[in-house]
C-alpha atoms as a PDB file:
ATOM      1  CA  MET A   1       5.545  36.403   2.126  1.00  0.00           C
ATOM      2  CA  ASP A   2       5.554  38.798   5.070  1.00  0.00           C
ATOM      3  CA  LEU A   3       3.946  37.034   7.997  1.00  0.00           C
ATOM      4  CA  SER A   4       3.774  40.224  10.055  1.00  0.00           C
ATOM      5  CA  LYS A   5       0.904  41.668   8.022  1.00  0.00           C
ATOM      6  CA  PRO A   6      -2.552  41.215   9.506  1.00  0.00           C
ATOM      7  CA  GLY A   7      -4.698  38.748   7.612  1.00  0.00           C
ATOM      8  CA  THR A   8      -1.705  36.806   6.287  1.00  0.00           C
ATOM      9  CA  PRO A   9      -2.060  33.088   7.075  1.00  0.00           C
ATOM     10  CA  SER A  10       0.585  31.645   9.340  1.00  0.00           C
ATOM     11  CA  VAL A  11       2.824  28.796   8.351  1.00  0.00           C
ATOM     12  CA  THR A  12       0.790  26.289  10.359  1.00  0.00           C
ATOM     13  CA  GLN A  13      -2.428  27.506   8.750  1.00  0.00           C
ATOM     14  CA  ARG A  14      -0.906  26.980   5.288  1.00  0.00           C
ATOM     15  CA  LEU A  15       0.382  23.465   6.066  1.00  0.00           C
ATOM     16  CA  PRO A  16      -2.746  21.621   4.833  1.00  0.00           C
ATOM     17  CA  GLU A  17      -2.741  23.722   1.650  1.00  0.00           C
ATOM     18  CA  ARG A  18       0.955  22.974   1.144  1.00  0.00           C
ATOM     19  CA  VAL A  19       0.402  19.217   1.549  1.00  0.00           C
ATOM     20  CA  VAL A  20      -2.599  19.181  -0.802  1.00  0.00           C
ATOM     21  CA  PHE A  21      -0.806  21.165  -3.518  1.00  0.00           C
ATOM     22  CA  ALA A  22       2.214  18.874  -3.225  1.00  0.00           C
ATOM     23  CA  GLY A  23      -0.199  15.969  -3.769  1.00  0.00           C
ATOM     24  CA  VAL A  24      -1.551  17.717  -6.878  1.00  0.00           C
ATOM     25  CA  VAL A  25       1.988  17.997  -8.227  1.00  0.00           C
ATOM     26  CA  GLY A  26       2.494  14.332  -7.349  1.00  0.00           C
ATOM     27  CA  ALA A  27      -0.615  13.495  -9.388  1.00  0.00           C
ATOM     28  CA  MET A  28       0.637  15.501 -12.370  1.00  0.00           C
ATOM     29  CA  LEU A  29       4.065  13.864 -12.465  1.00  0.00           C
ATOM     30  CA  PRO A  30       2.892  10.370 -13.571  1.00  0.00           C
ATOM     31  CA  LEU A  31       1.093  12.009 -16.495  1.00  0.00           C
ATOM     32  CA  LEU A  32       4.323  13.738 -17.502  1.00  0.00           C
ATOM     33  CA  HIS A  33       6.169  10.446 -17.035  1.00  0.00           C
ATOM     34  CA  ILE A  34       3.763   8.550 -19.279  1.00  0.00           C
ATOM     35  CA  GLY A  35       3.941  11.344 -21.865  1.00  0.00           C
ATOM     36  CA  TRP A  36       7.744  11.211 -21.800  1.00  0.00           C
ATOM     37  CA  ALA A  37       7.741   7.425 -22.285  1.00  0.00           C
ATOM     38  CA  LEU A  38       5.273   7.617 -25.182  1.00  0.00           C
ATOM     39  CA  LEU A  39       7.299  10.387 -26.817  1.00  0.00           C
ATOM     40  CA  GLY A  40      10.459   8.307 -26.446  1.00  0.00           C
ATOM     41  CA  ALA A  41       8.740   5.306 -28.028  1.00  0.00           C
ATOM     42  CA  ALA A  42       7.310   7.412 -30.867  1.00  0.00           C
ATOM     43  CA  LEU A  43      10.698   8.888 -31.698  1.00  0.00           C
ATOM     44  CA  ALA A  44      12.509   5.554 -31.416  1.00  0.00           C
ATOM     45  CA  ASP A  45      14.671   4.254 -34.206  1.00  0.00           C
ATOM     46  CA  GLU A  46      12.854   1.466 -36.067  1.00  0.00           C
ATOM     47  CA  SER A  47      16.079  -0.569 -36.290  1.00  0.00           C
ATOM     48  CA  ARG A  48      16.044  -0.993 -32.483  1.00  0.00           C
ATOM     49  CA  CYS A  49      12.701  -2.790 -32.538  1.00  0.00           C
ATOM     50  CA  GLY A  50      12.907  -6.398 -31.430  1.00  0.00           C
ATOM     51  CA  HIS A  51      10.758  -9.459 -31.823  1.00  0.00           C
ATOM     52  CA  PHE A  52       7.914  -8.033 -29.714  1.00  0.00           C
ATOM     53  CA  GLY A  53       7.715  -4.711 -31.540  1.00  0.00           C
ATOM     54  CA  CYS A  54       9.097  -1.433 -30.286  1.00  0.00           C
ATOM     55  CA  ILE A  55       8.860  -2.176 -26.575  1.00  0.00           C
ATOM     56  CA  GLU A  56      12.576  -1.723 -25.796  1.00  0.00           C
ATOM     57  CA  PRO A  57      12.634   2.052 -26.490  1.00  0.00           C
ATOM     58  CA  LEU A  58       9.479   2.456 -24.407  1.00  0.00           C
ATOM     59  CA  VAL A  59      11.061   0.673 -21.443  1.00  0.00           C
ATOM     60  CA  GLU A  60      14.254   2.701 -21.855  1.00  0.00           C
ATOM     61  CA  ALA A  61      12.335   5.991 -22.000  1.00  0.00           C
ATOM     62  CA  TRP A  62      10.328   4.886 -18.947  1.00  0.00           C
ATOM     63  CA  GLU A  63      13.484   4.274 -16.919  1.00  0.00           C
ATOM     64  CA  ILE A  64      15.037   7.589 -17.947  1.00  0.00           C
ATOM     65  CA  GLY A  65      11.782   9.417 -17.232  1.00  0.00           C
ATOM     66  CA  ARG A  66      11.666   7.924 -13.773  1.00  0.00           C
ATOM     67  CA  TRP A  67      14.576  10.192 -12.842  1.00  0.00           C
ATOM     68  CA  LEU A  68      13.936  13.060 -15.239  1.00  0.00           C
ATOM     69  CA  VAL A  69      10.333  13.835 -14.353  1.00  0.00           C
ATOM     70  CA  PRO A  70      10.970  14.567 -10.632  1.00  0.00           C
ATOM     71  CA  VAL A  71      13.240  17.397 -11.801  1.00  0.00           C
ATOM     72  CA  LEU A  72      10.108  19.009 -13.228  1.00  0.00           C
ATOM     73  CA  ALA A  73       8.546  18.930  -9.772  1.00  0.00           C
ATOM     74  CA  TRP A  74      10.487  21.995  -8.661  1.00  0.00           C
ATOM     75  CA  PRO A  75       8.882  24.452 -11.097  1.00  0.00           C
ATOM     76  CA  LEU A  76       5.475  22.815 -10.656  1.00  0.00           C
ATOM     77  CA  LEU A  77       5.702  23.125  -6.885  1.00  0.00           C
ATOM     78  CA  GLY A  78       6.751  26.754  -7.245  1.00  0.00           C
ATOM     79  CA  LEU A  79       3.868  27.392  -9.622  1.00  0.00           C
ATOM     80  CA  LEU A  80       1.394  26.088  -7.032  1.00  0.00           C
ATOM     81  CA  ARG A  81       3.063  28.207  -4.318  1.00  0.00           C
ATOM     82  CA  VAL A  82       4.554  25.366  -2.311  1.00  0.00           C
ATOM     83  CA  ARG A  83       7.468  27.356  -0.993  1.00  0.00           C
ATOM     84  CA  PRO A  84      10.370  26.682  -0.699  1.00  0.00           C
ATOM     85  CA  ALA A  85       9.753  24.364  -3.614  1.00  0.00           C
ATOM     86  CA  TRP A  86      13.299  23.096  -3.919  1.00  0.00           C
ATOM     87  CA  HIS A  87      13.166  21.601  -0.404  1.00  0.00           C
ATOM     88  CA  VAL A  88      10.212  19.443  -1.369  1.00  0.00           C
ATOM     89  CA  ALA A  89      11.721  18.601  -4.767  1.00  0.00           C
ATOM     90  CA  LEU A  90      14.973  17.437  -3.158  1.00  0.00           C
ATOM     91  CA  VAL A  91      13.407  15.434  -0.324  1.00  0.00           C
ATOM     92  CA  ALA A  92      10.615  13.743  -2.316  1.00  0.00           C
ATOM     93  CA  PRO A  93      12.947  11.237  -4.046  1.00  0.00           C
ATOM     94  CA  LEU A  94      13.954  10.019  -0.573  1.00  0.00           C
ATOM     95  CA  PHE A  95      10.317   9.011  -0.158  1.00  0.00           C
ATOM     96  CA  LEU A  96       9.883   7.867  -3.761  1.00  0.00           C
ATOM     97  CA  VAL A  97      12.722   5.369  -4.016  1.00  0.00           C
ATOM     98  CA  PRO A  98      11.579   3.167  -1.092  1.00  0.00           C
ATOM     99  CA  LEU A  99       8.040   3.184  -2.472  1.00  0.00           C
ATOM    100  CA  TRP A 100       9.358   2.139  -5.888  1.00  0.00           C
ATOM    101  CA  GLU A 101      11.459  -0.603  -4.336  1.00  0.00           C
ATOM    102  CA  LEU A 102       8.674  -1.910  -2.109  1.00  0.00           C
ATOM    103  CA  SER A 103       5.996  -1.945  -4.790  1.00  0.00           C
ATOM    104  CA  ALA A 104       5.765  -5.323  -6.502  1.00  0.00           C
ATOM    105  CA  ARG A 105       6.690  -3.878  -9.885  1.00  0.00           C
ATOM    106  CA  PRO A 106       7.376  -0.148 -10.385  1.00  0.00           C
ATOM    107  CA  GLU A 107       5.326  -0.051 -13.557  1.00  0.00           C
ATOM    108  CA  MET A 108       2.263  -1.237 -11.644  1.00  0.00           C
ATOM    109  CA  LEU A 109      -0.328   1.339 -10.638  1.00  0.00           C
ATOM    110  CA  PHE A 110       1.035   1.861  -7.120  1.00  0.00           C
ATOM    111  CA  GLY A 111       4.556   2.338  -8.417  1.00  0.00           C
ATOM    112  CA  VAL A 112       3.376   4.987 -10.845  1.00  0.00           C
ATOM    113  CA  LEU A 113       1.137   6.774  -8.370  1.00  0.00           C
ATOM    114  CA  SER A 114       3.654   6.687  -5.527  1.00  0.00           C
ATOM    115  CA  THR A 115       4.405  10.328  -6.321  1.00  0.00           C
ATOM    116  CA  VAL A 116       0.930  11.188  -5.019  1.00  0.00           C
ATOM    117  CA  LEU A 117       2.115   9.933  -1.617  1.00  0.00           C
ATOM    118  CA  ALA A 118       5.771  10.957  -1.690  1.00  0.00           C
ATOM    119  CA  TYR A 119       5.332  14.655  -2.444  1.00  0.00           C
ATOM    120  CA  PRO A 120       2.832  15.335   0.381  1.00  0.00           C
ATOM    121  CA  PHE A 121       5.127  13.501   2.831  1.00  0.00           C
ATOM    122  CA  ALA A 122       8.039  15.623   1.618  1.00  0.00           C
ATOM    123  CA  ALA A 123       5.961  18.804   1.929  1.00  0.00           C
ATOM    124  CA  LEU A 124       5.006  17.884   5.493  1.00  0.00           C
ATOM    125  CA  VAL A 125       8.545  17.066   6.545  1.00  0.00           C
ATOM    126  CA  THR A 126      10.102  20.170   4.952  1.00  0.00           C
ATOM    127  CA  ALA A 127       7.416  22.688   5.952  1.00  0.00           C
ATOM    128  CA  PRO A 128       9.000  25.865   7.282  1.00  0.00           C
ATOM    129  CA  GLY A 129       8.021  26.432  10.877  1.00  0.00           C
ATOM    130  CA  ALA A 130       6.688  22.903  11.326  1.00  0.00           C
ATOM    131  CA  SER A 131       7.289  21.423  14.749  1.00  0.00           C
ATOM    132  CA  TRP A 132       9.478  18.378  15.216  1.00  0.00           C
ATOM    133  CA  ARG A 133       6.325  16.534  16.225  1.00  0.00           C
ATOM    134  CA  GLN A 134       4.727  17.230  12.823  1.00  0.00           C
ATOM    135  CA  ARG A 135       7.913  16.221  11.005  1.00  0.00           C
ATOM    136  CA  GLY A 136       8.207  13.072  13.092  1.00  0.00           C
ATOM    137  CA  LEU A 137       4.570  12.225  12.443  1.00  0.00           C
ATOM    138  CA  GLY A 138       5.177  12.486   8.683  1.00  0.00           C
ATOM    139  CA  VAL A 139       8.215  10.207   8.854  1.00  0.00           C
ATOM    140  CA  ALA A 140       6.410   7.752  11.166  1.00  0.00           C
ATOM    141  CA  LEU A 141       3.415   7.528   8.834  1.00  0.00           C
ATOM    142  CA  PHE A 142       5.753   6.951   5.897  1.00  0.00           C
ATOM    143  CA  LEU A 143       7.625   4.211   7.744  1.00  0.00           C
ATOM    144  CA  LEU A 144       4.292   2.613   8.659  1.00  0.00           C
ATOM    145  CA  LEU A 145       3.328   2.634   4.967  1.00  0.00           C
ATOM    146  CA  CYS A 146       6.673   1.100   4.019  1.00  0.00           C
ATOM    147  CA  GLY A 147       6.221  -1.547   6.694  1.00  0.00           C
ATOM    148  CA  ALA A 148       2.784  -2.406   5.338  1.00  0.00           C
ATOM    149  CA  LEU A 149       4.217  -2.716   1.825  1.00  0.00           C
ATOM    150  CA  ALA A 150       7.122  -4.862   3.017  1.00  0.00           C
ATOM    151  CA  VAL A 151       4.852  -7.474   4.581  1.00  0.00           C
ATOM    152  CA  PRO A 152       4.268 -10.172   1.956  1.00  0.00           C
ATOM    153  CA  GLY A 153       0.752 -11.114   1.058  1.00  0.00           C
END
């Protein structure tokens, strides 16, 4: 995008759009994750089923999908014009892993929907042309969220 053309939005004007679209990608990723886990359970070998039915392949597919699905974030971010998409895709797991670890159980609703929070934080922190104040604000808000999750009760 050539920012020298008149009428072209500046980087700071596109920052809210970038954060919102990263949140949309974050909302799409749990759906892909659930789809991956269900596909893994549907294609599971019947001989691996235990006493409680075929739950083991579902859990295994869920764990694999936890790391596979964020790889799909890069093309999705690019599709929604969050550029450079690979910056957000690489930084988002740094926000995701603490949220997964601090949530009571990763398969709970917050653990699944943590991508809705992690990708906007990553988009804010990696925004081209963002000031250090904006980046610091994103990291501070994330650390405040992690602190709130770490407090028991």
